[in-house]
Protein backbone atom coordinates (compact mmCIF):
# COMPACT_ATOMS: atom_id res chain seq x y z
CA MET A 1 13.15 -30.17 -7.08
CA LYS A 2 12.78 -27.04 -4.43
CA LYS A 3 11.55 -23.63 -5.13
CA ARG A 4 14.46 -20.85 -4.49
CA ILE A 5 12.88 -17.61 -2.57
CA LYS A 6 14.83 -14.59 -1.28
CA PHE A 7 13.58 -12.57 1.61
CA VAL A 8 14.37 -9.14 1.25
CA THR A 9 14.13 -6.60 4.50
CA ASN A 10 15.09 -2.69 4.74
CA PRO A 11 18.04 -1.47 6.60
CA PHE A 12 15.97 -0.53 9.80
CA SER A 13 14.27 -4.09 9.88
CA GLY A 14 17.53 -5.76 8.84
CA SER A 15 19.54 -4.00 11.90
CA LYS A 16 16.31 -4.92 13.88
CA HIS A 17 15.06 -8.06 12.62
CA GLY A 18 17.58 -9.74 11.05
CA LYS A 19 18.64 -12.48 13.69
CA ASN A 20 14.72 -12.81 14.14
CA ILE A 21 13.92 -13.35 10.72
CA ARG A 22 16.33 -16.17 10.14
CA SER A 23 15.38 -18.13 13.21
CA LEU A 24 11.67 -17.59 12.40
CA LEU A 25 12.36 -18.98 9.01
CA GLU A 26 14.35 -21.63 10.14
CA LYS A 27 11.73 -22.98 12.77
CA HIS A 28 8.64 -22.23 10.57
CA LEU A 29 9.60 -22.37 6.71
CA ASP A 30 8.85 -25.63 5.29
CA LYS A 31 12.25 -26.83 4.08
CA LYS A 32 10.84 -29.37 2.00
CA ILE A 33 9.71 -27.22 -0.38
CA TYR A 34 12.33 -23.95 -0.16
CA ASP A 35 15.77 -23.09 -0.31
CA PHE A 36 16.20 -19.55 1.05
CA ASP A 37 18.61 -17.06 1.47
CA ILE A 38 17.96 -13.31 2.82
CA SER A 39 19.35 -10.10 1.23
CA PHE A 40 19.57 -6.73 3.14
CA THR A 41 19.08 -3.18 1.31
CA ASN A 42 21.55 -0.48 1.71
CA TYR A 43 19.62 2.37 0.04
CA THR A 44 16.27 3.90 -1.13
CA GLY A 45 15.45 1.48 -4.29
CA HIS A 46 17.78 -1.37 -3.47
CA ALA A 47 15.02 -3.78 -3.17
CA ILE A 48 13.70 -3.07 -6.37
CA GLU A 49 17.16 -4.25 -7.81
CA ILE A 50 17.36 -7.30 -5.81
CA SER A 51 13.82 -8.16 -6.73
CA ARG A 52 14.21 -7.75 -10.49
CA ASN A 53 17.59 -9.50 -10.40
CA ALA A 54 15.70 -12.30 -8.16
CA ALA A 55 13.11 -12.63 -10.99
CA LEU A 56 15.54 -12.58 -14.08
CA SER A 57 17.78 -15.68 -12.11
CA GLY A 58 14.31 -17.80 -11.95
CA TYR A 59 13.13 -17.29 -8.35
CA PHE A 60 9.94 -18.82 -7.19
CA ALA A 61 9.43 -15.69 -4.90
CA VAL A 62 10.62 -12.49 -3.24
CA VAL A 63 8.97 -11.96 0.54
CA ALA A 64 9.10 -7.99 1.25
CA VAL A 65 10.22 -8.16 5.01
CA GLY A 66 9.15 -4.95 6.35
CA GLY A 67 6.34 -2.25 6.03
CA ASP A 68 4.51 -1.03 3.11
CA GLY A 69 7.32 0.72 1.59
CA THR A 70 9.41 -2.55 1.58
CA ILE A 71 6.39 -4.12 -0.14
CA ASN A 72 6.22 -1.22 -3.07
CA GLU A 73 9.53 -1.63 -3.80
CA VAL A 74 9.81 -5.42 -4.17
CA ALA A 75 6.40 -5.13 -6.24
CA GLN A 76 8.36 -2.83 -8.71
CA GLY A 77 11.21 -5.45 -9.34
CA LEU A 78 8.31 -8.08 -10.08
CA LYS A 79 5.53 -6.42 -11.97
CA ASN A 80 4.88 -8.45 -14.73
CA SER A 81 7.26 -11.26 -14.16
CA ALA A 82 6.78 -15.04 -13.05
CA THR A 83 8.33 -14.50 -9.57
CA ALA A 84 5.65 -14.04 -7.25
CA LEU A 85 5.61 -11.36 -4.02
CA ALA A 86 4.83 -12.55 -0.63
CA VAL A 87 4.76 -10.26 2.53
CA ILE A 88 6.14 -10.71 6.00
CA PRO A 89 4.98 -7.86 7.99
CA PHE A 90 7.48 -6.01 10.15
CA GLY A 91 6.29 -2.10 9.35
CA SER A 92 4.25 0.12 11.07
CA GLY A 93 0.85 0.29 9.53
CA ASN A 94 1.02 -2.84 7.35
CA GLY A 95 -1.56 -1.92 5.56
CA PHE A 96 -1.27 -4.51 2.47
CA ALA A 97 -0.72 -7.11 5.13
CA TYR A 98 -4.31 -6.36 6.87
CA HIS A 99 -5.84 -6.43 3.54
CA LEU A 100 -4.17 -10.14 2.91
CA GLY A 101 -5.43 -10.92 6.12
CA ILE A 102 -1.81 -11.64 7.70
CA ARG A 103 -2.35 -8.45 10.43
CA ARG A 104 0.71 -8.39 12.27
CA SER A 105 1.61 -12.32 12.45
CA ALA A 106 4.93 -13.48 10.88
CA ILE A 107 4.50 -16.85 11.68
CA ARG A 108 0.83 -16.72 10.06
CA ALA A 109 2.79 -15.06 6.58
CA ILE A 110 5.14 -17.84 6.73
CA GLN A 111 2.06 -20.43 6.84
CA LEU A 112 0.59 -18.81 4.04
CA ILE A 113 4.38 -18.90 2.27
CA ASN A 114 4.50 -22.69 2.83
CA SER A 115 1.21 -23.15 0.82
CA ALA A 116 3.04 -21.95 -2.14
CA SER A 117 -0.49 -20.78 -3.55
CA THR A 118 0.05 -17.82 -6.14
CA HIS A 119 -2.68 -15.92 -7.92
CA TRP A 120 -2.47 -12.58 -10.24
CA MET A 121 -3.25 -9.50 -8.85
CA ASP A 122 -3.90 -5.89 -9.91
CA THR A 123 -1.67 -2.95 -9.67
CA GLY A 124 -2.15 1.03 -10.31
CA THR A 125 0.17 3.52 -11.39
CA ALA A 126 -0.11 7.62 -10.38
CA ASN A 127 1.41 9.29 -12.99
CA GLY A 128 3.59 6.57 -13.41
CA LYS A 129 4.47 5.44 -10.23
CA LEU A 130 3.56 1.96 -9.15
CA PHE A 131 1.21 1.06 -5.83
CA ILE A 132 -0.55 -1.83 -4.94
CA ASN A 133 -2.56 -1.07 -2.01
CA VAL A 134 -3.76 2.31 -1.46
CA ALA A 135 -2.92 5.97 -3.24
CA GLY A 136 -4.62 9.05 -3.63
CA LEU A 137 -4.36 13.06 -2.23
CA GLY A 138 -5.43 15.23 0.37
CA LEU A 139 -4.89 15.30 4.08
CA ASP A 140 -3.74 11.61 4.01
CA ALA A 141 -1.31 12.54 1.63
CA THR A 142 -0.38 15.66 3.34
CA VAL A 143 0.16 13.73 6.68
CA ALA A 144 2.24 10.67 4.79
CA TYR A 145 4.62 13.26 3.49
CA LYS A 146 4.93 15.08 6.80
CA THR A 147 5.17 11.94 8.76
CA LYS A 148 8.08 10.49 6.48
CA LEU A 149 10.11 13.78 7.28
CA ASN A 150 10.14 12.63 11.07
CA SER A 151 12.60 9.95 11.96
CA LYS A 152 9.75 8.82 14.34
CA ARG A 153 7.72 5.85 12.89
CA GLY A 154 4.78 4.12 14.15
CA PHE A 155 1.33 4.90 15.08
CA LEU A 156 1.05 7.91 17.50
CA PRO A 157 3.46 10.11 15.34
CA TYR A 158 1.21 9.34 12.53
CA PHE A 159 -1.53 10.21 14.68
CA PHE A 160 -0.36 13.55 15.94
CA ASN A 161 0.49 14.67 12.56
CA THR A 162 -2.92 13.97 11.51
CA LEU A 163 -4.23 16.23 14.46
CA LYS A 164 -1.56 18.98 13.47
CA GLU A 165 -2.80 19.20 9.77
CA SER A 166 -6.43 18.74 10.17
CA LEU A 167 -6.15 21.88 12.50
CA GLY A 168 -4.68 24.05 9.29
CA PHE A 169 -6.04 22.03 6.20
CA LYS A 170 -7.02 23.68 3.17
CA PHE A 171 -9.58 21.93 1.19
CA LEU A 172 -8.62 20.40 -2.37
CA SER A 173 -10.54 22.18 -5.28
CA LEU A 174 -10.69 19.20 -7.71
CA GLN A 175 -11.45 18.50 -11.14
CA ILE A 176 -12.22 15.15 -11.61
CA SER A 177 -12.59 13.14 -14.89
CA THR A 178 -13.53 9.28 -15.70
CA GLY A 179 -14.38 7.86 -18.79
CA ASN A 180 -17.85 9.13 -19.06
CA LYS A 181 -18.31 12.14 -16.72
CA THR A 182 -16.10 15.07 -15.57
CA TRP A 183 -16.50 17.41 -12.73
CA PHE A 184 -15.74 20.20 -10.09
CA ASP A 185 -15.95 20.29 -6.35
CA GLU A 186 -14.35 20.71 -3.11
CA TYR A 187 -12.77 17.32 -0.99
CA ALA A 188 -10.68 16.74 2.06
CA MET A 189 -9.62 13.82 0.40
CA ALA A 190 -9.77 11.64 -2.45
CA VAL A 191 -8.71 7.68 -2.26
CA ILE A 192 -7.74 5.68 -5.13
CA ALA A 193 -8.00 2.19 -3.73
CA ASN A 194 -6.86 -0.98 -5.20
CA GLY A 195 -6.45 -2.76 -1.33
CA SER A 196 -8.88 -1.83 1.28
CA VAL A 197 -6.68 -1.05 4.70
CA TYR A 198 -4.76 1.98 5.56
CA GLY A 199 -2.84 0.38 8.21
CA TYR A 200 -3.62 -0.32 11.94
CA ASP A 201 -6.95 -2.22 11.03
CA PHE A 202 -8.12 1.19 9.34
CA THR A 203 -10.22 0.22 6.70
CA VAL A 204 -11.00 2.88 3.99
CA ALA A 205 -12.62 0.64 1.24
CA PRO A 206 -14.05 -2.51 2.47
CA GLU A 207 -15.24 -3.69 -0.73
CA ALA A 208 -11.72 -3.14 -2.58
CA ASN A 209 -10.95 -6.31 -4.71
CA VAL A 210 -7.42 -6.72 -5.95
CA ASN A 211 -8.64 -9.13 -8.40
CA ASP A 212 -11.41 -7.03 -10.42
CA GLY A 213 -9.50 -4.73 -12.40
CA LEU A 214 -11.38 -1.52 -10.75
CA PHE A 215 -10.28 1.15 -8.09
CA ASP A 216 -12.55 1.88 -4.82
CA ILE A 217 -12.75 5.52 -5.39
CA ILE A 218 -13.58 7.00 -1.77
CA LEU A 219 -13.80 10.98 -1.59
CA VAL A 220 -14.70 12.86 1.47
CA LYS A 221 -16.60 15.69 1.12
CA LYS A 222 -16.11 19.24 2.16
CA THR A 223 -17.60 19.73 5.71
CA HIS A 224 -16.45 21.28 9.27
CA ILE A 225 -13.38 19.54 10.36
CA PHE A 226 -14.63 17.97 13.67
CA ARG A 227 -17.03 16.20 11.54
CA TYR A 228 -14.20 14.05 10.22
CA PHE A 229 -13.53 12.17 13.23
CA PHE A 230 -16.72 10.64 13.38
CA LEU A 231 -15.26 8.73 10.22
CA VAL A 232 -12.43 7.14 12.43
CA PRO A 233 -15.31 4.85 13.84
CA ARG A 234 -16.73 3.92 10.57
CA MET A 235 -12.96 2.56 9.34
CA LEU A 236 -12.74 0.36 12.03
CA ASN A 237 -16.38 -1.03 11.52
CA LYS A 238 -15.80 -1.26 7.79
CA THR A 239 -18.51 1.17 7.24
CA LEU A 240 -16.80 4.27 5.56
CA HIS A 241 -18.11 3.99 2.12
CA LYS A 242 -21.79 4.08 3.56
CA SER A 243 -20.91 7.66 5.29
CA PRO A 244 -22.78 10.51 3.79
CA LEU A 245 -19.54 12.49 3.72
CA VAL A 246 -18.10 10.09 1.37
CA GLU A 247 -19.04 9.58 -2.32
CA TYR A 248 -18.04 6.36 -3.39
CA PHE A 249 -17.82 4.39 -6.84
CA LYS A 250 -15.72 2.06 -8.97
CA THR A 251 -13.45 3.03 -11.85
CA SER A 252 -10.65 1.54 -13.73
CA GLU A 253 -9.15 4.92 -14.40
CA ILE A 254 -9.44 8.20 -13.11
CA THR A 255 -7.53 11.87 -13.51
CA ILE A 256 -8.07 14.29 -10.76
CA GLU A 257 -6.80 17.90 -11.41
CA ASN A 258 -5.87 19.48 -8.35
CA LYS A 259 -6.40 23.60 -8.52
CA THR A 260 -4.56 24.07 -5.09
CA GLU A 261 -1.03 22.94 -3.97
CA GLY A 262 -0.47 19.87 -2.02
CA TYR A 263 0.48 16.19 -1.91
CA PHE A 264 -0.41 12.95 -3.23
CA HIS A 265 0.97 9.54 -1.89
CA VAL A 266 1.16 5.58 -3.20
CA ASP A 267 0.67 3.25 -0.78
CA GLY A 268 2.18 5.83 2.54
CA GLU A 269 4.81 7.24 0.61
CA GLY A 270 4.07 10.83 0.53
CA TYR A 271 5.16 13.51 -2.44
CA VAL A 272 4.57 16.93 -3.81
CA CYS A 273 2.04 17.61 -6.71
CA GLU A 274 4.25 18.95 -9.00
CA LYS A 275 2.06 18.66 -11.61
CA ASN A 276 -1.37 19.58 -10.61
CA LYS A 277 -2.97 16.75 -12.71
CA ILE A 278 -3.02 12.82 -11.29
CA HIS A 279 -3.55 10.36 -13.60
CA PHE A 280 -4.37 7.04 -11.94
CA LYS A 281 -4.75 3.64 -13.88
CA VAL A 282 -5.40 -0.03 -13.08
CA ASP A 283 -3.20 -2.82 -14.56
CA PRO A 284 -4.92 -5.97 -14.51
CA ASN A 285 -3.47 -9.11 -13.32
CA SER A 286 0.10 -7.78 -13.30
CA LEU A 287 1.61 -9.02 -10.10
CA LEU A 288 2.05 -12.32 -9.02
CA ILE A 289 1.10 -13.20 -5.24
CA ILE A 290 1.33 -16.04 -2.83
CA HIS A 291 -1.96 -15.42 -1.46
CA ASN A 292 -4.99 -17.75 -0.46
CA LYS A 293 -7.36 -16.44 -2.92
């Protein structure tokens, strides 16, 4: 009996890639294994509803066709269900696809789907908001929030927003608590990583493992602003956690209280910190995913 699988794409990917994704699936998806259909979303949160309904209807998998925002919504609809998440990268940064080794290749993603190999992975929450890849607060969250206000997407808008926000950035005064320690210091960023890659192959947590029940915490210390640009090569060669500007450790739960105003993000989606205290927690083995373990 064939497995039912649904492909979900957001309005932008749908209008731009709708015909492309269907032709790719007709050419590369194994029809001996799958019966497939495609759904296009019409509004924010629609992918959550589509995915949740697919899980209730007994689909084998739902495939997020798009970027990290689409993946996050599909994951919300599938969490703690027997329906697996899969990914075809049609976004800009594609951080989670890079973590999975798919990078930007839609064909490689479909070949992985053909393997039908499922494994459980951890998810995280930040004040109840789900994330599967990377969350945090500080400069990266500020850039994420400001970038989503920009109609343009891609590497260059993100890069120029980073330069702009760096010039006037105010360091965070953070009180950080884990299960056995509490301390106060100033930082540029606090990264809470379940996966390893921001996007564009910028690896923020090289040792992150989505199956270990732990976050990788990257705290970027306060220093002269120009020194942060030396961290870029470290992200590309996967040694950021070894920088003297970084405090690195693993934990399953962490609370960060920001004494200054600012933003936080989950999977690259920026939000205003309405509450100064953000609680991050791992939910082990809570999402089924198609992936070569």
